[in-house]
Amino acid sequence: MNKKEKKLAQIAEEVAHCQKCPLYKIAVKSVPGQGSAEARLFFIGEAPGYYEDQSGVPFCGRAGKLLDKMLIIAGLKREDVFIGNMLKHRPPGNRDPRPEEIIACRPFLNRQIAVVSPEIIVTLGRFAMNEFLPEAKISQVHGQFRFVDYNNKEYILFPVYHPAAALRNGNLRETEEEDFKKLKQFLLKLSQTTSAVKKELVSKDDKEKQMSLL
């Protein structure tokens, strides 16, 4: 186990014993996150669901199976990325996360992002997206690449719909597939682009404008 893996394991241990909000009282297991400590891509969802709560593994239910299919479309494997959630314990009835719960869990997420140090953060759904783009609407910005500054570091952000939403809405399923195709194309171009050129592809006046690599 290398240093980054040890740090992630320590965070997971702290999550398992966290009592900063009442969710720990009703959760079966904590769901800190899972994946490669060396991942270039960090996926962030909303909160664990029933199956995640039972297993402690993020995105292992129906939405997780769809996410696995989307990863394949993007030319990725689950073991090569890191997957986590805004909340580390399941809200009752899979209700929306509450602001105080997001605040309580935020330090864990921030530390995980800092340890993994990904190049790209993919947000799954509006709650994760609003952590980076508080005023944005997912219907308007999904499938767009942006530079964002988060905790004094710059990342490429790629918001997409939550897989659970795509399961409920067949039209969103098609949209989700198209967005992950864009991600594949972006990764291919990024591998052929120098850091200096990448910077030039974003507006100097507004780093949150859509990137023009695609």
Protein backbone atom coordinates (compact mmCIF):
# COMPACT_ATOMS: atom_id res chain seq x y z
CA MET A 1 0.00 0.00 0.00
CA ASN A 2 1.54 3.32 -1.07
CA LYS A 3 1.21 6.66 0.73
CA LYS A 4 -1.87 7.78 -1.18
CA GLU A 5 -3.63 4.48 -0.56
CA LYS A 6 -2.82 4.71 3.14
CA LYS A 7 -4.26 8.23 3.30
CA LEU A 8 -7.47 7.11 1.58
CA ALA A 9 -7.73 4.16 3.96
CA GLN A 10 -7.34 6.52 6.91
CA ILE A 11 -10.14 8.74 5.58
CA ALA A 12 -12.35 5.68 5.12
CA GLU A 13 -11.68 4.67 8.71
CA GLU A 14 -12.64 8.12 9.94
CA VAL A 15 -15.82 8.02 7.84
CA ALA A 16 -16.74 4.67 9.43
CA HIS A 17 -16.67 6.28 12.87
CA CYS A 18 -18.09 9.68 11.89
CA GLN A 19 -20.92 11.05 14.04
CA LYS A 20 -21.00 14.60 12.68
CA CYS A 21 -24.62 14.22 11.53
CA PRO A 22 -27.45 11.84 12.54
CA LEU A 23 -27.21 9.69 9.41
CA TYR A 24 -24.73 7.32 11.05
CA LYS A 25 -27.45 6.21 13.47
CA ILE A 26 -29.58 4.60 10.74
CA ALA A 27 -26.93 3.56 8.23
CA VAL A 28 -25.91 -0.07 7.95
CA LYS A 29 -22.48 0.74 6.54
CA SER A 30 -20.53 3.83 5.67
CA VAL A 31 -19.70 4.31 1.98
CA PRO A 32 -16.48 6.34 1.84
CA GLY A 33 -15.67 5.75 -1.82
CA GLN A 34 -13.64 3.31 -3.86
CA GLY A 35 -11.17 3.26 -6.69
CA SER A 36 -7.63 4.00 -7.74
CA ALA A 37 -5.54 6.36 -5.64
CA GLU A 38 -3.81 7.34 -8.89
CA ALA A 39 -7.01 8.05 -10.82
CA ARG A 40 -7.08 10.84 -13.40
CA LEU A 41 -10.87 10.96 -13.07
CA PHE A 42 -12.80 11.40 -9.84
CA PHE A 43 -16.55 10.65 -10.05
CA ILE A 44 -18.83 12.23 -7.43
CA GLY A 45 -22.43 11.19 -6.87
CA GLU A 46 -25.08 12.32 -4.44
CA ALA A 47 -25.42 9.78 -1.63
CA PRO A 48 -25.44 6.01 -1.07
CA GLY A 49 -28.63 4.11 -1.83
CA TYR A 50 -30.00 0.86 -0.40
CA TYR A 51 -27.47 -1.50 -1.98
CA GLU A 52 -24.56 0.81 -1.25
CA ASP A 53 -25.68 1.02 2.38
CA GLN A 54 -25.75 -2.77 2.61
CA SER A 55 -22.36 -3.34 1.00
CA GLY A 56 -20.32 -0.20 1.69
CA VAL A 57 -19.49 -0.03 -2.03
CA PRO A 58 -20.43 3.08 -4.05
CA PHE A 59 -22.70 2.69 -7.09
CA CYS A 60 -23.28 -1.05 -6.81
CA GLY A 61 -27.06 -1.08 -7.46
CA ARG A 62 -28.98 -0.48 -10.68
CA ALA A 63 -27.56 3.02 -11.08
CA GLY A 64 -24.09 1.59 -10.55
CA LYS A 65 -24.58 -1.00 -13.26
CA LEU A 66 -25.58 1.78 -15.64
CA LEU A 67 -22.55 3.81 -14.59
CA ASP A 68 -20.35 0.81 -15.41
CA LYS A 69 -21.86 0.74 -18.91
CA MET A 70 -21.22 4.48 -19.27
CA LEU A 71 -17.61 4.00 -18.21
CA ILE A 72 -17.17 1.40 -20.94
CA ILE A 73 -18.60 3.87 -23.47
CA ALA A 74 -15.96 6.36 -22.31
CA GLY A 75 -13.22 3.75 -22.65
CA LEU A 76 -12.76 3.50 -18.89
CA LYS A 77 -12.74 0.79 -16.23
CA ARG A 78 -14.09 1.21 -12.71
CA GLU A 79 -10.76 0.16 -11.20
CA ASP A 80 -8.98 2.99 -13.03
CA VAL A 81 -11.14 5.81 -11.62
CA PHE A 82 -12.21 6.90 -8.14
CA ILE A 83 -15.93 6.93 -7.30
CA GLY A 84 -17.46 8.57 -4.25
CA ASN A 85 -20.46 10.56 -3.06
CA MET A 86 -21.20 13.90 -1.44
CA LEU A 87 -22.63 12.01 1.55
CA LYS A 88 -20.92 9.01 3.08
CA HIS A 89 -24.01 7.55 4.78
CA ARG A 90 -27.40 6.81 3.23
CA PRO A 91 -30.20 9.32 3.84
CA PRO A 92 -33.47 7.63 4.90
CA GLY A 93 -35.67 6.70 1.96
CA ASN A 94 -32.99 7.96 -0.44
CA ARG A 95 -34.18 11.53 0.14
CA ASP A 96 -32.13 14.48 -1.08
CA PRO A 97 -29.07 15.44 0.95
CA ARG A 98 -29.64 18.25 3.41
CA PRO A 99 -27.28 21.24 3.54
CA GLU A 100 -26.02 20.41 7.02
CA GLU A 101 -25.24 16.84 5.92
CA ILE A 102 -23.27 18.08 2.91
CA ILE A 103 -21.34 20.44 5.18
CA ALA A 104 -20.58 17.61 7.62
CA CYS A 105 -19.26 15.32 4.87
CA ARG A 106 -17.45 17.96 2.83
CA PRO A 107 -14.10 17.68 4.65
CA PHE A 108 -13.90 13.97 3.82
CA LEU A 109 -14.61 14.61 0.14
CA ASN A 110 -12.14 17.49 0.01
CA ARG A 111 -9.40 15.34 1.51
CA GLN A 112 -10.11 12.49 -0.91
CA ILE A 113 -9.89 14.85 -3.87
CA ALA A 114 -6.65 16.31 -2.51
CA VAL A 115 -5.11 12.84 -2.06
CA VAL A 116 -6.14 11.47 -5.46
CA SER A 117 -5.37 14.80 -7.16
CA PRO A 118 -7.38 13.97 -10.31
CA GLU A 119 -7.15 15.90 -13.53
CA ILE A 120 -10.88 15.64 -14.19
CA ILE A 121 -13.83 15.67 -11.78
CA VAL A 122 -17.04 14.16 -13.18
CA THR A 123 -20.11 15.15 -11.19
CA LEU A 124 -23.09 12.80 -11.31
CA GLY A 125 -26.26 14.81 -10.77
CA ARG A 126 -27.09 18.32 -9.63
CA PHE A 127 -26.05 18.05 -5.97
CA ALA A 128 -22.47 17.14 -6.85
CA MET A 129 -22.42 19.67 -9.69
CA ASN A 130 -23.59 22.48 -7.39
CA GLU A 131 -20.61 21.88 -5.12
CA PHE A 132 -18.47 23.30 -7.95
CA LEU A 133 -21.01 25.38 -9.88
CA PRO A 134 -23.48 26.62 -7.23
CA GLU A 135 -25.69 28.62 -9.60
CA ALA A 136 -25.67 26.25 -12.58
CA LYS A 137 -28.54 24.14 -13.87
CA ILE A 138 -27.59 20.65 -14.96
CA SER A 139 -29.92 20.79 -17.95
CA GLN A 140 -27.81 23.67 -19.28
CA VAL A 141 -24.26 22.58 -18.46
CA HIS A 142 -24.22 18.77 -18.68
CA GLY A 143 -21.71 17.44 -21.15
CA GLN A 144 -19.58 20.60 -21.04
CA PHE A 145 -15.94 20.78 -19.97
CA ARG A 146 -14.89 23.64 -17.72
CA PHE A 147 -11.92 24.71 -15.68
CA VAL A 148 -12.90 25.31 -12.05
CA ASP A 149 -10.91 26.42 -9.04
CA TYR A 150 -11.70 24.32 -5.98
CA ASN A 151 -9.81 24.58 -2.71
CA ASN A 152 -7.06 26.59 -4.40
CA LYS A 153 -6.47 24.04 -7.13
CA GLU A 154 -7.63 23.91 -10.72
CA TYR A 155 -9.55 20.95 -12.13
CA ILE A 156 -11.38 20.12 -15.31
CA LEU A 157 -15.05 19.68 -14.44
CA PHE A 158 -17.46 17.54 -16.47
CA PRO A 159 -21.07 17.54 -15.16
CA VAL A 160 -23.44 14.76 -16.28
CA TYR A 161 -26.83 13.53 -15.14
CA HIS A 162 -27.00 11.05 -12.29
CA PRO A 163 -27.36 7.47 -13.60
CA ALA A 164 -30.51 7.05 -11.47
CA ALA A 165 -32.13 9.90 -13.41
CA ALA A 166 -31.16 8.20 -16.67
CA LEU A 167 -32.82 5.00 -15.45
CA ARG A 168 -36.06 6.87 -14.79
CA ASN A 169 -36.05 8.78 -18.06
CA GLY A 170 -35.28 7.08 -21.36
CA ASN A 171 -34.45 10.39 -23.04
CA LEU A 172 -31.84 11.11 -20.39
CA ARG A 173 -30.35 7.68 -21.00
CA GLU A 174 -29.56 8.73 -24.57
CA THR A 175 -28.21 12.06 -23.33
CA GLU A 176 -26.01 10.26 -20.79
CA GLU A 177 -24.57 8.01 -23.49
CA GLU A 178 -23.78 11.01 -25.69
CA ASP A 179 -22.08 12.80 -22.81
CA PHE A 180 -19.88 9.81 -22.05
CA LYS A 181 -18.99 9.56 -25.75
CA LYS A 182 -17.86 13.19 -25.46
CA LEU A 183 -15.79 12.20 -22.45
CA LYS A 184 -14.05 9.50 -24.47
CA GLN A 185 -13.27 11.93 -27.28
CA PHE A 186 -12.04 14.50 -24.78
CA LEU A 187 -9.70 12.02 -23.09
CA LEU A 188 -8.25 11.05 -26.45
CA LYS A 189 -7.62 14.70 -27.35
CA LEU A 190 -6.28 15.47 -23.90
CA SER A 191 -3.67 12.75 -24.23
CA GLN A 192 -2.41 14.48 -27.37
CA THR A 193 -2.48 18.03 -25.95
CA THR A 194 0.31 19.79 -24.09
CA SER A 195 -0.45 21.64 -20.89
CA ALA A 196 0.27 25.02 -22.49
CA VAL A 197 -2.06 24.36 -25.42
CA LYS A 198 -4.78 23.11 -23.07
CA LYS A 199 -4.70 26.42 -21.20
CA GLU A 200 -5.06 28.34 -24.45
CA LEU A 201 -8.24 26.42 -25.25
CA VAL A 202 -10.06 28.08 -22.35
CA SER A 203 -11.10 31.71 -22.29
CA LYS A 204 -8.63 33.77 -20.26
CA ASP A 205 -11.46 36.05 -19.20
CA ASP A 206 -13.71 33.33 -17.81
CA LYS A 207 -12.27 29.92 -16.98
CA GLU A 208 -15.74 28.53 -16.35
CA LYS A 209 -16.81 28.96 -19.97
CA GLN A 210 -17.20 25.77 -21.92
CA MET A 211 -13.92 24.29 -23.02
CA SER A 212 -13.44 24.12 -26.76
CA LEU A 213 -11.44 20.93 -27.03
CA LEU A 214 -14.42 19.20 -28.66
